[in-house]
Every structure is written in C-alpha cells, then in structure tokens.
PDB file of N, CA and C in Angstrom:
ATOM      1  N   MET A   1      83.390 147.461  74.848  1.00  0.00           N
ATOM      2  CA  MET A   1      83.098 147.643  76.262  1.00  0.00           C
ATOM      3  C   MET A   1      81.855 146.832  76.612  1.00  0.00           C
ATOM      4  N   SER A   2      81.976 146.033  77.617  1.00  0.00           N
ATOM      5  CA  SER A   2      80.871 145.175  78.040  1.00  0.00           C
ATOM      6  C   SER A   2      79.881 145.967  78.883  1.00  0.00           C
ATOM      7  N   ARG A   3      78.607 145.740  78.617  1.00  0.00           N
ATOM      8  CA  ARG A   3      77.553 146.410  79.395  1.00  0.00           C
ATOM      9  C   ARG A   3      77.075 145.516  80.523  1.00  0.00           C
ATOM     10  N   ARG A   4      77.717 144.403  80.684  1.00  0.00           N
ATOM     11  CA  ARG A   4      77.324 143.447  81.712  1.00  0.00           C
ATOM     12  C   ARG A   4      77.798 143.914  83.089  1.00  0.00           C
ATOM     13  N   VAL A   5      76.923 143.864  84.056  1.00  0.00           N
ATOM     14  CA  VAL A   5      77.240 144.300  85.409  1.00  0.00           C
ATOM     15  C   VAL A   5      77.970 143.179  86.140  1.00  0.00           C
ATOM     16  N   SER A   6      79.022 143.532  86.820  1.00  0.00           N
ATOM     17  CA  SER A   6      79.765 142.563  87.612  1.00  0.00           C
ATOM     18  C   SER A   6      79.222 142.574  89.034  1.00  0.00           C
ATOM     19  N   LEU A   7      78.720 141.430  89.479  1.00  0.00           N
ATOM     20  CA  LEU A   7      78.157 141.324  90.819  1.00  0.00           C
ATOM     21  C   LEU A   7      79.112 140.587  91.748  1.00  0.00           C
ATOM     22  N   PRO A   8      79.099 140.912  93.034  1.00  0.00           N
ATOM     23  CA  PRO A   8      79.980 140.218  93.971  1.00  0.00           C
ATOM     24  C   PRO A   8      79.532 138.774  94.163  1.00  0.00           C
ATOM     25  N   GLY A   9      80.486 137.918  94.455  1.00  0.00           N
ATOM     26  CA  GLY A   9      80.183 136.522  94.732  1.00  0.00           C
ATOM     27  C   GLY A   9      79.779 136.327  96.179  1.00  0.00           C
ATOM     28  N   ALA A  10      79.425 135.100  96.517  1.00  0.00           N
ATOM     29  CA  ALA A  10      78.981 134.784  97.875  1.00  0.00           C
ATOM     30  C   ALA A  10      80.072 135.070  98.900  1.00  0.00           C
ATOM     31  N   SER A  11      81.318 134.787  98.559  1.00  0.00           N
ATOM     32  CA  SER A  11      82.389 135.014  99.537  1.00  0.00           C
ATOM     33  C   SER A  11      82.559 136.500  99.842  1.00  0.00           C
ATOM     34  N   GLU A  12      82.346 137.353  98.826  1.00  0.00           N
ATOM     35  CA  GLU A  12      82.419 138.789  99.081  1.00  0.00           C
ATOM     36  C   GLU A  12      81.234 139.265  99.905  1.00  0.00           C
ATOM     37  N   LEU A  13      80.063 138.684  99.648  1.00  0.00           N
ATOM     38  CA  LEU A  13      78.870 139.096 100.371  1.00  0.00           C
ATOM     39  C   LEU A  13      78.874 138.622 101.819  1.00  0.00           C
ATOM     40  N   PHE A  14      79.255 137.379 102.019  1.00  0.00           N
ATOM     41  CA  PHE A  14      79.139 136.797 103.348  1.00  0.00           C
ATOM     42  C   PHE A  14      80.464 136.667 104.075  1.00  0.00           C
ATOM     43  N   GLY A  15      81.557 136.940 103.430  1.00  0.00           N
ATOM     44  CA  GLY A  15      82.856 136.945 104.086  1.00  0.00           C
ATOM     45  C   GLY A  15      83.414 135.579 104.418  1.00  0.00           C
ATOM     46  N   GLY A  16      82.613 134.548 104.341  1.00  0.00           N
ATOM     47  CA  GLY A  16      83.083 133.195 104.587  1.00  0.00           C
ATOM     48  C   GLY A  16      83.391 132.884 106.039  1.00  0.00           C
ATOM     49  N   ALA A  17      83.175 133.818 106.934  1.00  0.00           N
ATOM     50  CA  ALA A  17      83.472 133.591 108.348  1.00  0.00           C
ATOM     51  C   ALA A  17      82.220 133.814 109.161  1.00  0.00           C
ATOM     52  N   ALA A  18      82.225 133.269 110.345  1.00  0.00           N
ATOM     53  CA  ALA A  18      81.089 133.466 111.238  1.00  0.00           C
ATOM     54  C   ALA A  18      81.027 134.935 111.647  1.00  0.00           C
ATOM     55  N   PRO A  19      79.827 135.459 111.836  1.00  0.00           N
ATOM     56  CA  PRO A  19      79.736 136.857 112.246  1.00  0.00           C
ATOM     57  C   PRO A  19      80.376 137.086 113.607  1.00  0.00           C
ATOM     58  N   GLN A  20      80.964 138.254 113.772  1.00  0.00           N
ATOM     59  CA  GLN A  20      81.571 138.581 115.053  1.00  0.00           C
ATOM     60  C   GLN A  20      80.484 138.874 116.072  1.00  0.00           C
ATOM     61  N   GLN A  21      80.715 138.418 117.279  1.00  0.00           N
ATOM     62  CA  GLN A  21      79.760 138.676 118.346  1.00  0.00           C
ATOM     63  C   GLN A  21      80.077 140.047 118.930  1.00  0.00           C
ATOM     64  N   THR A  22      79.091 140.941 118.885  1.00  0.00           N
ATOM     65  CA  THR A  22      79.351 142.298 119.333  1.00  0.00           C
ATOM     66  C   THR A  22      79.287 142.435 120.841  1.00  0.00           C
ATOM     67  N   ARG A  23      78.556 141.540 121.512  1.00  0.00           N
ATOM     68  CA  ARG A  23      78.444 141.610 122.955  1.00  0.00           C
ATOM     69  C   ARG A  23      78.699 140.224 123.528  1.00  0.00           C
ATOM     70  N   PRO A  24      79.846 140.021 124.178  1.00  0.00           N
ATOM     71  CA  PRO A  24      80.136 138.703 124.726  1.00  0.00           C
ATOM     72  C   PRO A  24      79.124 138.316 125.799  1.00  0.00           C
ATOM     73  N   GLU A  25      78.831 137.027 125.859  1.00  0.00           N
ATOM     74  CA  GLU A  25      77.850 136.550 126.815  1.00  0.00           C
ATOM     75  C   GLU A  25      78.464 135.467 127.690  1.00  0.00           C
ATOM     76  N   LYS A  26      77.899 135.308 128.856  1.00  0.00           N
ATOM     77  CA  LYS A  26      78.318 134.217 129.731  1.00  0.00           C
ATOM     78  C   LYS A  26      77.070 133.593 130.325  1.00  0.00           C
ATOM     79  N   ARG A  27      77.128 132.318 130.642  1.00  0.00           N
ATOM     80  CA  ARG A  27      75.991 131.615 131.216  1.00  0.00           C
ATOM     81  C   ARG A  27      76.147 131.610 132.730  1.00  0.00           C
ATOM     82  N   THR A  28      75.067 131.890 133.411  1.00  0.00           N
ATOM     83  CA  THR A  28      75.070 131.836 134.860  1.00  0.00           C
ATOM     84  C   THR A  28      73.901 130.995 135.310  1.00  0.00           C
ATOM     85  N   THR A  29      73.978 130.501 136.506  1.00  0.00           N
ATOM     86  CA  THR A  29      72.883 129.721 137.063  1.00  0.00           C
ATOM     87  C   THR A  29      72.322 130.476 138.246  1.00  0.00           C
ATOM     88  N   THR A  30      70.998 130.617 138.272  1.00  0.00           N
ATOM     89  CA  THR A  30      70.361 131.310 139.379  1.00  0.00           C
ATOM     90  C   THR A  30      69.338 130.392 140.018  1.00  0.00           C
ATOM     91  N   SER A  31      69.069 130.649 141.259  1.00  0.00           N
ATOM     92  CA  SER A  31      68.088 129.853 141.976  1.00  0.00           C
ATOM     93  C   SER A  31      66.866 130.713 142.241  1.00  0.00           C
ATOM     94  N   ASP A  32      65.679 130.196 141.857  1.00  0.00           N
ATOM     95  CA  ASP A  32      64.436 130.924 142.065  1.00  0.00           C
ATOM     96  C   ASP A  32      63.720 130.488 143.329  1.00  0.00           C
ATOM     97  N   GLY A  33      64.294 129.641 144.051  1.00  0.00           N
ATOM     98  CA  GLY A  33      63.646 129.154 145.271  1.00  0.00           C
ATOM     99  C   GLY A  33      64.131 127.740 145.552  1.00  0.00           C
ATOM    100  N   PRO A  34      63.490 127.084 146.521  1.00  0.00           N
ATOM    101  CA  PRO A  34      63.937 125.742 146.870  1.00  0.00           C
ATOM    102  C   PRO A  34      63.735 124.768 145.713  1.00  0.00           C
ATOM    103  N   GLY A  35      64.817 124.115 145.310  1.00  0.00           N
ATOM    104  CA  GLY A  35      64.744 123.072 144.303  1.00  0.00           C
ATOM    105  C   GLY A  35      64.673 123.549 142.858  1.00  0.00           C
ATOM    106  N   THR A  36      64.642 124.844 142.604  1.00  0.00           N
ATOM    107  CA  THR A  36      64.595 125.308 141.220  1.00  0.00           C
ATOM    108  C   THR A  36      65.875 126.055 140.883  1.00  0.00           C
ATOM    109  N   VAL A  37      66.502 125.619 139.837  1.00  0.00           N
ATOM    110  CA  VAL A  37      67.713 126.272 139.341  1.00  0.00           C
ATOM    111  C   VAL A  37      67.505 126.489 137.856  1.00  0.00           C
ATOM    112  N   ARG A  38      67.805 127.699 137.395  1.00  0.00           N
ATOM    113  CA  ARG A  38      67.665 127.956 135.969  1.00  0.00           C
ATOM    114  C   ARG A  38      68.934 128.621 135.449  1.00  0.00           C
ATOM    115  N   ALA A  39      69.225 128.348 134.204  1.00  0.00           N
ATOM    116  CA  ALA A  39      70.384 128.970 133.558  1.00  0.00           C
ATOM    117  C   ALA A  39      69.914 130.207 132.845  1.00  0.00           C
ATOM    118  N   ARG A  40      70.716 131.243 132.916  1.00  0.00           N
ATOM    119  CA  ARG A  40      70.367 132.494 132.249  1.00  0.00           C
ATOM    120  C   ARG A  40      71.604 133.057 131.573  1.00  0.00           C
ATOM    121  N   THR A  41      71.435 133.515 130.363  1.00  0.00           N
ATOM    122  CA  THR A  41      72.539 134.145 129.640  1.00  0.00           C
ATOM    123  C   THR A  41      72.582 135.608 130.039  1.00  0.00           C
ATOM    124  N   THR A  42      73.747 136.054 130.453  1.00  0.00           N
ATOM    125  CA  THR A  42      73.892 137.464 130.812  1.00  0.00           C
ATOM    126  C   THR A  42      74.936 138.098 129.909  1.00  0.00           C
ATOM    127  N   VAL A  43      74.741 139.340 129.622  1.00  0.00           N
ATOM    128  CA  VAL A  43      75.678 140.067 128.780  1.00  0.00           C
ATOM    129  C   VAL A  43      76.757 140.648 129.675  1.00  0.00           C
ATOM    130  N   VAL A  44      77.995 140.482 129.246  1.00  0.00           N
ATOM    131  CA  VAL A  44      79.116 141.001 130.007  1.00  0.00           C
ATOM    132  C   VAL A  44      79.078 142.523 129.958  1.00  0.00           C
ATOM    133  N   ASP A  45      79.666 143.148 130.944  1.00  0.00           N
ATOM    134  CA  ASP A  45      79.519 144.561 131.265  1.00  0.00           C
ATOM    135  C   ASP A  45      79.506 145.578 130.131  1.00  0.00           C
ATOM    136  N   ASP A  46      80.202 145.389 129.027  1.00  0.00           N
ATOM    137  CA  ASP A  46      80.311 146.463 128.041  1.00  0.00           C
ATOM    138  C   ASP A  46      79.108 146.524 127.099  1.00  0.00           C
ATOM    139  N   ARG A  47      77.932 146.698 127.659  1.00  0.00           N
ATOM    140  CA  ARG A  47      76.718 146.800 126.843  1.00  0.00           C
ATOM    141  C   ARG A  47      76.708 148.121 126.104  1.00  0.00           C
ATOM    142  N   LYS A  48      76.603 148.054 124.797  1.00  0.00           N
ATOM    143  CA  LYS A  48      76.504 149.252 123.972  1.00  0.00           C
ATOM    144  C   LYS A  48      75.753 148.873 122.713  1.00  0.00           C
ATOM    145  N   SER A  49      74.951 149.808 122.221  1.00  0.00           N
ATOM    146  CA  SER A  49      74.347 149.548 120.921  1.00  0.00           C
ATOM    147  C   SER A  49      75.425 149.720 119.861  1.00  0.00           C
ATOM    148  N   SER A  50      75.124 149.291 118.667  1.00  0.00           N
ATOM    149  CA  SER A  50      76.124 149.334 117.607  1.00  0.00           C
ATOM    150  C   SER A  50      76.406 150.755 117.131  1.00  0.00           C
ATOM    151  N   GLY A  51      75.483 151.680 117.411  1.00  0.00           N
ATOM    152  CA  GLY A  51      75.745 153.079 117.081  1.00  0.00           C
ATOM    153  C   GLY A  51      75.859 153.341 115.596  1.00  0.00           C
ATOM    154  N   ARG A  52      76.798 154.206 115.230  1.00  0.00           N
ATOM    155  CA  ARG A  52      76.928 154.640 113.839  1.00  0.00           C
ATOM    156  C   ARG A  52      77.960 153.806 113.100  1.00  0.00           C
ATOM    157  N   ILE A  53      77.566 152.606 112.718  1.00  0.00           N
ATOM    158  CA  ILE A  53      78.406 151.754 111.892  1.00  0.00           C
ATOM    159  C   ILE A  53      77.539 151.216 110.766  1.00  0.00           C
ATOM    160  N   ARG A  54      78.170 150.638 109.780  1.00  0.00           N
ATOM    161  CA  ARG A  54      77.421 150.016 108.691  1.00  0.00           C
ATOM    162  C   ARG A  54      76.808 148.731 109.223  1.00  0.00           C
ATOM    163  N   HIS A  55      75.521 148.564 108.976  1.00  0.00           N
ATOM    164  CA  HIS A  55      74.815 147.371 109.436  1.00  0.00           C
ATOM    165  C   HIS A  55      74.496 146.479 108.247  1.00  0.00           C
ATOM    166  N   ASP A  56      74.790 145.186 108.379  1.00  0.00           N
ATOM    167  CA  ASP A  56      74.594 144.257 107.276  1.00  0.00           C
ATOM    168  C   ASP A  56      73.263 143.528 107.343  1.00  0.00           C
ATOM    169  N   THR A  57      72.580 143.582 108.450  1.00  0.00           N
ATOM    170  CA  THR A  57      71.298 142.899 108.563  1.00  0.00           C
ATOM    171  C   THR A  57      70.201 143.922 108.748  1.00  0.00           C
ATOM    172  N   LYS A  58      69.008 143.545 108.320  1.00  0.00           N
ATOM    173  CA  LYS A  58      67.901 144.485 108.340  1.00  0.00           C
ATOM    174  C   LYS A  58      66.629 143.754 108.729  1.00  0.00           C
ATOM    175  N   ILE A  59      65.784 144.437 109.489  1.00  0.00           N
ATOM    176  CA  ILE A  59      64.449 143.945 109.758  1.00  0.00           C
ATOM    177  C   ILE A  59      63.469 145.063 109.422  1.00  0.00           C
ATOM    178  N   THR A  60      62.255 144.685 109.133  1.00  0.00           N
ATOM    179  CA  THR A  60      61.212 145.671 108.893  1.00  0.00           C
ATOM    180  C   THR A  60      60.240 145.605 110.052  1.00  0.00           C
ATOM    181  N   VAL A  61      59.969 146.738 110.640  1.00  0.00           N
ATOM    182  CA  VAL A  61      59.043 146.820 111.763  1.00  0.00           C
ATOM    183  C   VAL A  61      57.949 147.807 111.386  1.00  0.00           C
ATOM    184  N   TYR A  62      56.715 147.395 111.549  1.00  0.00           N
ATOM    185  CA  TYR A  62      55.593 148.282 111.281  1.00  0.00           C
ATOM    186  C   TYR A  62      55.172 148.944 112.581  1.00  0.00           C
ATOM    187  N   VAL A  63      55.013 150.248 112.549  1.00  0.00           N
ATOM    188  CA  VAL A  63      54.619 150.996 113.736  1.00  0.00           C
ATOM    189  C   VAL A  63      53.360 151.802 113.416  1.00  0.00           C
ATOM    190  N   THR A  64      52.662 152.197 114.461  1.00  0.00           N
ATOM    191  CA  THR A  64      51.481 153.031 114.265  1.00  0.00           C
ATOM    192  C   THR A  64      51.927 154.455 113.944  1.00  0.00           C
ATOM    193  N   GLU A  65      51.001 155.236 113.482  1.00  0.00           N
ATOM    194  CA  GLU A  65      51.302 156.637 113.186  1.00  0.00           C
ATOM    195  C   GLU A  65      51.745 157.365 114.452  1.00  0.00           C
ATOM    196  N   GLU A  66      51.093 157.053 115.580  1.00  0.00           N
ATOM    197  CA  GLU A  66      51.448 157.695 116.853  1.00  0.00           C
ATOM    198  C   GLU A  66      52.860 157.311 117.292  1.00  0.00           C
ATOM    199  N   GLU A  67      53.237 156.036 117.095  1.00  0.00           N
ATOM    200  CA  GLU A  67      54.585 155.601 117.468  1.00  0.00           C
ATOM    201  C   GLU A  67      55.638 156.287 116.601  1.00  0.00           C
ATOM    202  N   LEU A  68      55.352 156.411 115.312  1.00  0.00           N
ATOM    203  CA  LEU A  68      56.294 157.092 114.419  1.00  0.00           C
ATOM    204  C   LEU A  68      56.406 158.573 114.770  1.00  0.00           C
ATOM    205  N   LEU A  69      55.292 159.186 115.078  1.00  0.00           N
ATOM    206  CA  LEU A  69      55.304 160.592 115.484  1.00  0.00           C
ATOM    207  C   LEU A  69      56.097 160.772 116.782  1.00  0.00           C
ATOM    208  N   GLY A  70      55.898 159.867 117.742  1.00  0.00           N
ATOM    209  CA  GLY A  70      56.654 159.918 118.992  1.00  0.00           C
ATOM    210  C   GLY A  70      58.146 159.754 118.765  1.00  0.00           C
ATOM    211  N   LEU A  71      58.515 158.856 117.858  1.00  0.00           N
ATOM    212  CA  LEU A  71      59.923 158.643 117.528  1.00  0.00           C
ATOM    213  C   LEU A  71      60.524 159.898 116.897  1.00  0.00           C
ATOM    214  N   GLU A  72      59.789 160.502 115.989  1.00  0.00           N
ATOM    215  CA  GLU A  72      60.279 161.714 115.330  1.00  0.00           C
ATOM    216  C   GLU A  72      60.368 162.876 116.320  1.00  0.00           C
ATOM    217  N   GLN A  73      59.391 163.010 117.217  1.00  0.00           N
ATOM    218  CA  GLN A  73      59.442 164.069 118.229  1.00  0.00           C
ATOM    219  C   GLN A  73      60.623 163.857 119.170  1.00  0.00           C
ATOM    220  N   THR A  74      60.900 162.610 119.499  1.00  0.00           N
ATOM    221  CA  THR A  74      62.060 162.303 120.339  1.00  0.00           C
ATOM    222  C   THR A  74      63.350 162.690 119.630  1.00  0.00           C
ATOM    223  N   ARG A  75      63.450 162.369 118.344  1.00  0.00           N
ATOM    224  CA  ARG A  75      64.641 162.724 117.562  1.00  0.00           C
ATOM    225  C   ARG A  75      64.855 164.235 117.560  1.00  0.00           C
ATOM    226  N   LEU A  76      63.769 164.976 117.348  1.00  0.00           N
ATOM    227  CA  LEU A  76      63.880 166.438 117.331  1.00  0.00           C
ATOM    228  C   LEU A  76      64.206 167.006 118.709  1.00  0.00           C
ATOM    229  N   ALA A  77      63.631 166.423 119.769  1.00  0.00           N
ATOM    230  CA  ALA A  77      63.918 166.878 121.132  1.00  0.00           C
ATOM    231  C   ALA A  77      65.377 166.602 121.499  1.00  0.00           C
ATOM    232  N   LEU A  78      65.909 165.464 121.071  1.00  0.00           N
ATOM    233  CA  LEU A  78      67.320 165.171 121.335  1.00  0.00           C
ATOM    234  C   LEU A  78      68.213 166.234 120.718  1.00  0.00           C
ATOM    235  N   ARG A  79      67.861 166.664 119.513  1.00  0.00           N
ATOM    236  CA  ARG A  79      68.658 167.693 118.837  1.00  0.00           C
ATOM    237  C   ARG A  79      68.471 169.054 119.479  1.00  0.00           C
ATOM    238  N   ALA A  80      67.210 169.438 119.747  1.00  0.00           N
ATOM    239  CA  ALA A  80      66.921 170.783 120.259  1.00  0.00           C
ATOM    240  C   ALA A  80      67.349 170.960 121.708  1.00  0.00           C
ATOM    241  N   GLU A  81      67.067 169.976 122.544  1.00  0.00           N
ATOM    242  CA  GLU A  81      67.291 170.133 123.986  1.00  0.00           C
ATOM    243  C   GLU A  81      68.631 169.608 124.478  1.00  0.00           C
ATOM    244  N   HIS A  82      69.232 168.681 123.717  1.00  0.00           N
ATOM    245  CA  HIS A  82      70.465 168.053 124.193  1.00  0.00           C
ATOM    246  C   HIS A  82      71.630 168.175 123.210  1.00  0.00           C
ATOM    247  N   GLY A  83      71.368 168.760 122.040  1.00  0.00           N
ATOM    248  CA  GLY A  83      72.429 168.922 121.050  1.00  0.00           C
ATOM    249  C   GLY A  83      72.914 167.611 120.463  1.00  0.00           C
ATOM    250  N   LEU A  84      72.076 166.572 120.499  1.00  0.00           N
ATOM    251  CA  LEU A  84      72.454 165.257 119.986  1.00  0.00           C
ATOM    252  C   LEU A  84      71.772 165.004 118.654  1.00  0.00           C
ATOM    253  N   THR A  85      72.551 164.627 117.668  1.00  0.00           N
ATOM    254  CA  THR A  85      71.997 164.301 116.367  1.00  0.00           C
ATOM    255  C   THR A  85      71.966 162.787 116.228  1.00  0.00           C
ATOM    256  N   ALA A  86      70.762 162.249 116.036  1.00  0.00           N
ATOM    257  CA  ALA A  86      70.605 160.806 115.863  1.00  0.00           C
ATOM    258  C   ALA A  86      69.448 160.562 114.910  1.00  0.00           C
ATOM    259  N   ASP A  87      69.643 159.608 113.995  1.00  0.00           N
ATOM    260  CA  ASP A  87      68.533 159.270 113.120  1.00  0.00           C
ATOM    261  C   ASP A  87      67.600 158.295 113.839  1.00  0.00           C
ATOM    262  N   ARG A  88      66.450 158.049 113.237  1.00  0.00           N
ATOM    263  CA  ARG A  88      65.462 157.181 113.883  1.00  0.00           C
ATOM    264  C   ARG A  88      66.006 155.777 114.109  1.00  0.00           C
ATOM    265  N   GLY A  89      66.789 155.264 113.165  1.00  0.00           N
ATOM    266  CA  GLY A  89      67.365 153.927 113.319  1.00  0.00           C
ATOM    267  C   GLY A  89      68.284 153.836 114.524  1.00  0.00           C
ATOM    268  N   ARG A  90      69.081 154.864 114.731  1.00  0.00           N
ATOM    269  CA  ARG A  90      69.997 154.861 115.885  1.00  0.00           C
ATOM    270  C   ARG A  90      69.218 154.898 117.198  1.00  0.00           C
ATOM    271  N   ILE A  91      68.152 155.699 117.235  1.00  0.00           N
ATOM    272  CA  ILE A  91      67.327 155.768 118.447  1.00  0.00           C
ATOM    273  C   ILE A  91      66.691 154.416 118.723  1.00  0.00           C
ATOM    274  N   VAL A  92      66.195 153.768 117.679  1.00  0.00           N
ATOM    275  CA  VAL A  92      65.578 152.445 117.846  1.00  0.00           C
ATOM    276  C   VAL A  92      66.613 151.432 118.318  1.00  0.00           C
ATOM    277  N   ARG A  93      67.824 151.438 117.749  1.00  0.00           N
ATOM    278  CA  ARG A  93      68.872 150.499 118.192  1.00  0.00           C
ATOM    279  C   ARG A  93      69.243 150.736 119.652  1.00  0.00           C
ATOM    280  N   GLU A  94      69.338 152.007 120.071  1.00  0.00           N
ATOM    281  CA  GLU A  94      69.632 152.308 121.477  1.00  0.00           C
ATOM    282  C   GLU A  94      68.510 151.802 122.384  1.00  0.00           C
ATOM    283  N   ALA A  95      67.255 152.025 121.962  1.00  0.00           N
ATOM    284  CA  ALA A  95      66.107 151.581 122.762  1.00  0.00           C
ATOM    285  C   ALA A  95      66.089 150.061 122.887  1.00  0.00           C
ATOM    286  N   ILE A  96      66.393 149.370 121.802  1.00  0.00           N
ATOM    287  CA  ILE A  96      66.453 147.903 121.841  1.00  0.00           C
ATOM    288  C   ILE A  96      67.540 147.444 122.795  1.00  0.00           C
ATOM    289  N   ASP A  97      68.700 148.073 122.722  1.00  0.00           N
ATOM    290  CA  ASP A  97      69.809 147.686 123.587  1.00  0.00           C
ATOM    291  C   ASP A  97      69.458 147.877 125.065  1.00  0.00           C
ATOM    292  N   VAL A  98      68.835 149.003 125.385  1.00  0.00           N
ATOM    293  CA  VAL A  98      68.449 149.274 126.781  1.00  0.00           C
ATOM    294  C   VAL A  98      67.417 148.263 127.252  1.00  0.00           C
ATOM    295  N   LEU A  99      66.440 147.972 126.409  1.00  0.00           N
ATOM    296  CA  LEU A  99      65.384 147.031 126.772  1.00  0.00           C
ATOM    297  C   LEU A  99      65.927 145.617 126.958  1.00  0.00           C
ATOM    298  N   LEU A 100      66.820 145.183 126.067  1.00  0.00           N
ATOM    299  CA  LEU A 100      67.396 143.839 126.197  1.00  0.00           C
ATOM    300  C   LEU A 100      68.316 143.735 127.413  1.00  0.00           C
ATOM    301  N   ALA A 101      69.058 144.794 127.702  1.00  0.00           N
ATOM    302  CA  ALA A 101      69.918 144.786 128.890  1.00  0.00           C
ATOM    303  C   ALA A 101      69.071 144.685 130.152  1.00  0.00           C
ATOM    304  N   ASP A 102      67.958 145.400 130.190  1.00  0.00           N
ATOM    305  CA  ASP A 102      67.054 145.320 131.334  1.00  0.00           C
ATOM    306  C   ASP A 102      66.488 143.908 131.472  1.00  0.00           C
ATOM    307  N   PHE A 103      66.159 143.279 130.341  1.00  0.00           N
ATOM    308  CA  PHE A 103      65.639 141.912 130.370  1.00  0.00           C
ATOM    309  C   PHE A 103      66.683 140.940 130.917  1.00  0.00           C
ATOM    310  N   VAL A 104      67.930 141.087 130.458  1.00  0.00           N
ATOM    311  CA  VAL A 104      69.005 140.210 130.937  1.00  0.00           C
ATOM    312  C   VAL A 104      69.241 140.416 132.430  1.00  0.00           C
ATOM    313  N   ASP A 105      69.214 141.668 132.879  1.00  0.00           N
ATOM    314  CA  ASP A 105      69.493 141.977 134.282  1.00  0.00           C
ATOM    315  C   ASP A 105      68.352 141.599 135.223  1.00  0.00           C
ATOM    316  N   HIS A 106      67.111 141.768 134.772  1.00  0.00           N
ATOM    317  CA  HIS A 106      65.980 141.617 135.687  1.00  0.00           C
ATOM    318  C   HIS A 106      65.032 140.468 135.355  1.00  0.00           C
ATOM    319  N   GLY A 107      65.212 139.807 134.208  1.00  0.00           N
ATOM    320  CA  GLY A 107      64.407 138.643 133.843  1.00  0.00           C
ATOM    321  C   GLY A 107      62.912 138.872 133.967  1.00  0.00           C
ATOM    322  N   PRO A 108      62.246 138.116 134.847  1.00  0.00           N
ATOM    323  CA  PRO A 108      60.792 138.220 134.955  1.00  0.00           C
ATOM    324  C   PRO A 108      60.299 139.570 135.484  1.00  0.00           C
ATOM    325  N   ASP A 109      61.182 140.344 136.095  1.00  0.00           N
ATOM    326  CA  ASP A 109      60.804 141.665 136.601  1.00  0.00           C
ATOM    327  C   ASP A 109      61.158 142.786 135.623  1.00  0.00           C
ATOM    328  N   SER A 110      61.590 142.428 134.426  1.00  0.00           N
ATOM    329  CA  SER A 110      62.017 143.439 133.454  1.00  0.00           C
ATOM    330  C   SER A 110      60.827 144.192 132.877  1.00  0.00           C
ATOM    331  N   VAL A 111      61.117 145.352 132.340  1.00  0.00           N
ATOM    332  CA  VAL A 111      60.094 146.180 131.705  1.00  0.00           C
ATOM    333  C   VAL A 111      59.455 145.420 130.547  1.00  0.00           C
ATOM    334  N   LEU A 112      60.244 144.707 129.775  1.00  0.00           N
ATOM    335  CA  LEU A 112      59.731 143.966 128.627  1.00  0.00           C
ATOM    336  C   LEU A 112      58.703 142.925 129.051  1.00  0.00           C
ATOM    337  N   VAL A 113      59.047 142.119 130.049  1.00  0.00           N
ATOM    338  CA  VAL A 113      58.124 141.082 130.514  1.00  0.00           C
ATOM    339  C   VAL A 113      56.851 141.712 131.069  1.00  0.00           C
ATOM    340  N   ARG A 114      56.995 142.753 131.870  1.00  0.00           N
ATOM    341  CA  ARG A 114      55.804 143.413 132.446  1.00  0.00           C
ATOM    342  C   ARG A 114      54.893 143.985 131.354  1.00  0.00           C
ATOM    343  N   ARG A 115      55.474 144.636 130.346  1.00  0.00           N
ATOM    344  CA  ARG A 115      54.653 145.226 129.285  1.00  0.00           C
ATOM    345  C   ARG A 115      53.998 144.170 128.417  1.00  0.00           C
ATOM    346  N   LEU A 116      54.719 143.089 128.118  1.00  0.00           N
ATOM    347  CA  LEU A 116      54.127 142.024 127.306  1.00  0.00           C
ATOM    348  C   LEU A 116      53.003 141.310 128.057  1.00  0.00           C
ATOM    349  N   LYS A 117      53.195 141.099 129.356  1.00  0.00           N
ATOM    350  CA  LYS A 117      52.127 140.481 130.147  1.00  0.00           C
ATOM    351  C   LYS A 117      50.903 141.401 130.227  1.00  0.00           C
ATOM    352  N   ALA A 118      51.133 142.698 130.337  1.00  0.00           N
ATOM    353  CA  ALA A 118      50.019 143.651 130.456  1.00  0.00           C
ATOM    354  C   ALA A 118      49.229 143.746 129.153  1.00  0.00           C
ATOM    355  N   SER A 119      49.875 143.460 128.020  1.00  0.00           N
ATOM    356  CA  SER A 119      49.184 143.581 126.736  1.00  0.00           C
ATOM    357  C   SER A 119      48.461 142.296 126.322  1.00  0.00           C
ATOM    358  N   GLU A 120      48.555 141.245 127.124  1.00  0.00           N
ATOM    359  CA  GLU A 120      47.882 139.982 126.792  1.00  0.00           C
ATOM    360  C   GLU A 120      46.405 140.061 127.007  1.00  0.00           C
TER     361      GLU A 120
END
C-alpha cells in the first residue's frame, strides 16, 4: 500500500474554463453635462450576493476589534430579532453586494464614494 498522497492536477483545480460570471453586466453611456459623456458598467437587475454556496476564491481582510464586535453583534441580532441564521462571511458578502450595487446605481453620489472621500 502506497503512503503517497494523490493530489489533484491543474485541470481539476481550475476546471480549464473561464469562471462563470455571476452577475451579468452591460455598458451604458451617461452624460454628466454639456460635452461630457462617460461609460459606466451597470449590473443587470438580478443583483444577489452568492449566499450559501462553496466559494473558490478568498481574500483576507483585517478589521478593528470594534468592527469585528459590530459584525458579531449584527449576526446575533439577525438570529434573535429576525430568526435569520447567517455566518459572518455571509453578512460580509451581502454588505459588499449592497455597497457595490449602490455604487453602480449612484456613482459619485454613492455611499462608498462619500465615505471614502470623507476619510481622506
């Protein structure tokens, strides 16, 4: 009996195909005033976070103790007050989806742009 571990190859890991796009996008052109036209990518109507599925990509985000405490309190409040069970990762994915949708819809007037400008 061989004690050697069998590892998956690149084709098993990466599937050999381009990743599926979870949210279709379309390009639109908007006018900001006389003589200025800009292209903006907008997400088509079915905006949803990925929810409870297996995720193949990962990022590491460092948060303050207060931010982590707020996230955990939100998770517990969702369960206690609304009967919703969600882990911290799911809450973060939902928050990202809402923030990005607001950015796509409102551009320079979005919550993201306003908060980033205020923190400069």
